[in-house]
Amino acid sequence: MNICTRTIISTTMVFHLITGAITVFMLYTAMPGSDLFSWHPTLMTIAFCLLMSQAIVIFSPESSLLQNSSRADKVQLHWILNMFSILAAAGGFGSIYLNKEIAGKKHFTTWHGKFGLATCVGVILAALGGLAAKYSGNLRNYVRPINIKLYHATGALVVFSMAMTTICLACYSNWFRKRVDGYLWRCAFWSPIILVVCVARQVTQSYLPRVAKPTSSAATSSERKRVQQPQQQVAKEKAQ
């Protein structure tokens, strides 16, 4: 096993270990079912740290657990994971909303709540973008398929970054700081940031080179125009 292979394996394991560790840690901390509020951190962590992160990196050449699977299989699993992620996020949103209604508290008064609301709205928009990307072939007369996929990937990256920011802000909540401190608190705070860096690296490496690099046909057409322009100029001068 060479150094490159060991590096790829270590990168893969680090990402999945972090997503699994955060999920298990939150399940242990929140104790789902102990009260209504406990379902909020539990379901939101499952939705974004576990399901959505896995749905995104399934296409990664480094972090995917399905390296040998076909593109069609990866796409199918991608939308299945995201569908369950949306359902879990809806449950987490509903639990905190109902909990505040019962307690007579105001909604979205903290940065955590505001970012969380923006994230939930972004998830819906990203899902619509995913449908457009899935059927991008039918829209090729209006937008290049690769551009639609780039927009979807970039939008999903923004939404995922907002979700991880919301989790980082949750570390400053009274509920969390009463239960977690010291080294574990720092791990819980920095782990989502590491996930964002990994996902951002995947998106930029996968799509930006394909968009920035012109296709062979486009390059040939451009070269042909550059050659024809002087010839047309000479023809005009002769005609005069």
Protein backbone atom coordinates (compact mmCIF):
# COMPACT_ATOMS: atom_id res chain seq x y z
CA MET A 1 0.00 0.00 0.00
CA ASN A 2 1.63 3.26 -1.14
CA ILE A 3 1.55 6.64 0.60
CA CYS A 4 -1.16 8.05 -1.70
CA THR A 5 -3.50 5.14 -0.98
CA ARG A 6 -2.95 5.41 2.77
CA THR A 7 -3.67 9.15 2.61
CA ILE A 8 -6.98 8.62 0.77
CA ILE A 9 -8.04 5.92 3.25
CA SER A 10 -7.16 8.14 6.22
CA THR A 11 -9.11 11.07 4.71
CA THR A 12 -12.11 8.82 4.17
CA MET A 13 -12.02 7.44 7.69
CA VAL A 14 -11.55 10.85 9.35
CA PHE A 15 -14.65 12.31 7.68
CA HIS A 16 -16.88 9.36 8.53
CA LEU A 17 -15.51 9.04 12.04
CA ILE A 18 -16.35 12.70 12.69
CA THR A 19 -19.90 12.42 11.36
CA GLY A 20 -20.49 9.24 13.35
CA ALA A 21 -18.88 10.60 16.52
CA ILE A 22 -20.94 13.81 16.50
CA THR A 23 -24.16 11.86 15.99
CA VAL A 24 -23.45 9.34 18.76
CA PHE A 25 -22.28 12.08 21.11
CA MET A 26 -25.45 14.12 20.55
CA LEU A 27 -27.67 11.08 21.03
CA TYR A 28 -25.94 10.45 24.35
CA THR A 29 -26.15 14.11 25.41
CA ALA A 30 -29.73 14.83 24.34
CA MET A 31 -31.24 11.48 25.44
CA PRO A 32 -34.04 11.51 22.82
CA GLY A 33 -37.45 10.91 24.28
CA SER A 34 -36.59 12.37 27.68
CA ASP A 35 -38.64 15.45 26.79
CA LEU A 36 -39.99 17.24 23.73
CA PHE A 37 -36.93 19.44 23.30
CA SER A 38 -34.58 16.44 23.22
CA TRP A 39 -35.81 15.57 19.74
CA HIS A 40 -34.59 18.90 18.36
CA PRO A 41 -30.80 18.39 18.71
CA THR A 42 -31.19 14.68 18.03
CA LEU A 43 -33.05 14.97 14.72
CA MET A 44 -31.12 18.00 13.51
CA THR A 45 -27.80 16.25 14.11
CA ILE A 46 -29.00 13.16 12.28
CA ALA A 47 -30.34 15.30 9.44
CA PHE A 48 -27.27 17.43 8.76
CA CYS A 49 -24.20 15.85 10.38
CA LEU A 50 -25.06 12.29 9.39
CA LEU A 51 -27.48 12.03 6.46
CA MET A 52 -26.76 15.22 4.49
CA SER A 53 -23.00 14.97 4.88
CA GLN A 54 -23.05 11.37 3.67
CA ALA A 55 -25.33 12.31 0.78
CA ILE A 56 -22.83 14.94 -0.35
CA VAL A 57 -19.59 12.98 -0.05
CA ILE A 58 -21.05 9.97 -1.81
CA PHE A 59 -19.70 11.59 -5.01
CA SER A 60 -16.27 12.34 -3.54
CA PRO A 61 -13.36 10.42 -5.09
CA GLU A 62 -11.67 10.47 -1.68
CA SER A 63 -14.37 10.22 1.01
CA SER A 64 -17.07 8.14 -0.67
CA LEU A 65 -17.78 4.71 0.78
CA LEU A 66 -19.08 3.58 -2.62
CA GLN A 67 -16.06 4.12 -4.84
CA ASN A 68 -16.89 1.21 -7.15
CA SER A 69 -20.61 1.93 -7.51
CA SER A 70 -22.06 3.35 -10.71
CA ARG A 71 -23.00 7.00 -11.08
CA ALA A 72 -26.70 6.10 -11.30
CA ASP A 73 -26.55 4.18 -8.01
CA LYS A 74 -24.81 7.08 -6.29
CA VAL A 75 -27.41 9.55 -7.57
CA GLN A 76 -30.24 7.35 -6.33
CA LEU A 77 -28.70 6.95 -2.87
CA HIS A 78 -27.94 10.68 -2.83
CA TRP A 79 -31.58 11.70 -3.13
CA ILE A 80 -32.74 8.94 -0.75
CA LEU A 81 -30.37 10.15 1.97
CA ASN A 82 -31.38 13.75 1.35
CA MET A 83 -35.07 12.85 1.50
CA PHE A 84 -34.63 11.31 4.95
CA SER A 85 -32.46 14.28 5.91
CA ILE A 86 -35.31 16.67 5.06
CA LEU A 87 -37.78 14.55 7.04
CA ALA A 88 -35.47 14.52 10.07
CA ALA A 89 -34.91 18.28 9.79
CA ALA A 90 -38.67 18.82 9.63
CA GLY A 91 -39.09 16.77 12.80
CA GLY A 92 -36.33 18.70 14.55
CA PHE A 93 -37.84 22.02 13.49
CA GLY A 94 -41.31 20.95 14.58
CA SER A 95 -40.13 19.80 18.01
CA ILE A 96 -38.40 23.07 18.90
CA TYR A 97 -41.24 25.16 17.48
CA LEU A 98 -43.86 23.25 19.47
CA ASN A 99 -41.68 23.29 22.59
CA LYS A 100 -41.44 27.08 22.47
CA GLU A 101 -45.16 27.40 21.81
CA ILE A 102 -45.93 25.33 24.90
CA ALA A 103 -43.46 27.34 26.99
CA GLY A 104 -44.80 30.64 25.65
CA LYS A 105 -41.38 31.75 24.37
CA LYS A 106 -40.60 33.81 21.28
CA HIS A 107 -39.17 32.15 18.19
CA PHE A 108 -35.89 32.87 16.36
CA THR A 109 -34.53 35.37 18.88
CA THR A 110 -30.93 34.04 18.87
CA TRP A 111 -28.33 33.73 16.11
CA HIS A 112 -28.67 29.97 16.44
CA GLY A 113 -32.40 30.18 15.76
CA LYS A 114 -32.02 32.63 12.87
CA PHE A 115 -29.34 30.57 11.15
CA GLY A 116 -31.41 27.45 11.75
CA LEU A 117 -34.45 28.99 10.08
CA ALA A 118 -32.36 30.16 7.12
CA THR A 119 -30.88 26.67 6.83
CA CYS A 120 -34.31 25.02 6.72
CA VAL A 121 -35.42 27.41 3.97
CA GLY A 122 -32.16 26.75 2.12
CA VAL A 123 -32.72 23.00 2.30
CA ILE A 124 -36.00 23.38 0.41
CA LEU A 125 -34.33 25.52 -2.26
CA ALA A 126 -31.43 23.07 -2.55
CA ALA A 127 -33.91 20.22 -2.99
CA LEU A 128 -35.56 22.10 -5.87
CA GLY A 129 -32.12 22.66 -7.35
CA GLY A 130 -31.47 18.94 -7.02
CA LEU A 131 -34.56 18.18 -9.10
CA ALA A 132 -33.32 20.60 -11.76
CA ALA A 133 -29.89 18.95 -11.72
CA LYS A 134 -31.41 15.47 -11.99
CA TYR A 135 -33.37 16.48 -15.09
CA SER A 136 -30.80 18.95 -16.42
CA GLY A 137 -30.86 17.20 -19.81
CA ASN A 138 -34.37 18.49 -20.37
CA LEU A 139 -33.20 22.06 -19.70
CA ARG A 140 -30.15 22.05 -21.95
CA ASN A 141 -31.85 24.47 -24.37
CA TYR A 142 -31.88 27.09 -21.60
CA VAL A 143 -28.90 26.30 -19.36
CA ARG A 144 -25.87 24.04 -19.77
CA PRO A 145 -26.34 20.87 -17.67
CA ILE A 146 -22.91 21.28 -16.08
CA ASN A 147 -23.87 24.79 -14.95
CA ILE A 148 -27.10 23.54 -13.36
CA LYS A 149 -25.12 20.90 -11.47
CA LEU A 150 -22.58 23.53 -10.42
CA TYR A 151 -25.35 25.81 -9.11
CA HIS A 152 -26.88 22.92 -7.19
CA ALA A 153 -23.55 21.84 -5.71
CA THR A 154 -22.65 25.41 -4.75
CA GLY A 155 -26.08 26.03 -3.23
CA ALA A 156 -25.86 22.77 -1.28
CA LEU A 157 -22.42 23.79 -0.02
CA VAL A 158 -23.85 27.10 1.22
CA VAL A 159 -26.75 25.33 2.96
CA PHE A 160 -24.44 22.75 4.52
CA SER A 161 -22.11 25.53 5.71
CA MET A 162 -25.08 27.32 7.28
CA ALA A 163 -26.15 24.08 8.99
CA MET A 164 -22.67 23.56 10.44
CA THR A 165 -22.57 27.21 11.54
CA THR A 166 -25.89 26.65 13.31
CA ILE A 167 -24.41 23.65 15.12
CA CYS A 168 -21.38 25.70 16.16
CA LEU A 169 -23.70 28.41 17.51
CA ALA A 170 -25.66 25.73 19.38
CA CYS A 171 -22.50 25.03 21.38
CA TYR A 172 -23.00 28.45 23.04
CA SER A 173 -26.57 27.71 24.10
CA ASN A 174 -27.34 27.38 27.82
CA TRP A 175 -28.70 23.87 27.24
CA PHE A 176 -25.44 22.65 25.70
CA ARG A 177 -23.02 24.46 28.01
CA LYS A 178 -24.74 23.00 31.07
CA ARG A 179 -24.01 19.51 29.75
CA VAL A 180 -20.71 19.83 27.90
CA ASP A 181 -17.52 21.75 28.66
CA GLY A 182 -13.76 21.58 28.36
CA TYR A 183 -12.17 19.34 25.73
CA LEU A 184 -15.47 17.81 24.60
CA TRP A 185 -16.94 21.28 24.01
CA ARG A 186 -14.00 22.25 21.80
CA CYS A 187 -14.32 19.02 19.83
CA ALA A 188 -18.05 19.60 19.33
CA PHE A 189 -17.38 23.15 18.15
CA TRP A 190 -14.57 22.42 15.69
CA SER A 191 -15.86 19.16 14.20
CA PRO A 192 -18.55 20.82 12.02
CA ILE A 193 -15.94 23.23 10.69
CA ILE A 194 -13.78 20.30 9.57
CA LEU A 195 -16.78 18.80 7.77
CA VAL A 196 -17.39 22.09 5.93
CA VAL A 197 -13.77 22.22 4.78
CA CYS A 198 -13.98 18.64 3.44
CA VAL A 199 -17.22 19.30 1.57
CA ALA A 200 -15.98 22.64 0.18
CA ARG A 201 -12.83 20.92 -1.10
CA GLN A 202 -14.91 18.27 -2.84
CA VAL A 203 -17.19 20.79 -4.58
CA THR A 204 -14.37 23.05 -5.77
CA GLN A 205 -12.27 20.17 -7.07
CA SER A 206 -15.17 18.40 -8.77
CA TYR A 207 -16.93 21.24 -10.59
CA LEU A 208 -14.80 24.36 -10.96
CA PRO A 209 -12.19 22.76 -13.27
CA ARG A 210 -14.96 21.36 -15.49
CA VAL A 211 -16.62 24.77 -15.79
CA ALA A 212 -13.44 26.80 -16.19
CA LYS A 213 -11.94 24.50 -18.84
CA PRO A 214 -13.54 25.04 -22.27
CA THR A 215 -14.75 22.01 -24.16
CA SER A 216 -12.82 20.82 -27.19
CA SER A 217 -15.63 21.80 -29.56
CA ALA A 218 -15.81 25.29 -28.10
CA ALA A 219 -12.05 25.69 -28.36
CA THR A 220 -12.07 24.52 -31.96
CA SER A 221 -14.88 26.93 -32.83
CA SER A 222 -13.04 29.82 -31.19
CA GLU A 223 -9.83 28.96 -33.05
CA ARG A 224 -11.72 28.75 -36.33
CA LYS A 225 -13.18 32.23 -35.80
CA ARG A 226 -9.73 33.69 -35.10
CA VAL A 227 -8.42 32.21 -38.36
CA GLN A 228 -11.43 33.33 -40.43
CA GLN A 229 -11.42 36.95 -39.24
CA PRO A 230 -8.11 37.94 -40.95
CA GLN A 231 -9.17 36.10 -44.11
CA GLN A 232 -12.46 37.99 -44.21
CA GLN A 233 -10.61 41.29 -43.69
CA VAL A 234 -8.27 40.56 -46.60
CA ALA A 235 -11.24 39.66 -48.82
CA LYS A 236 -12.94 42.97 -47.98
CA GLU A 237 -9.77 44.94 -48.83
CA LYS A 238 -9.44 43.17 -52.20
CA ALA A 239 -13.10 43.88 -52.99
CA GLN A 240 -12.52 47.59 -52.31
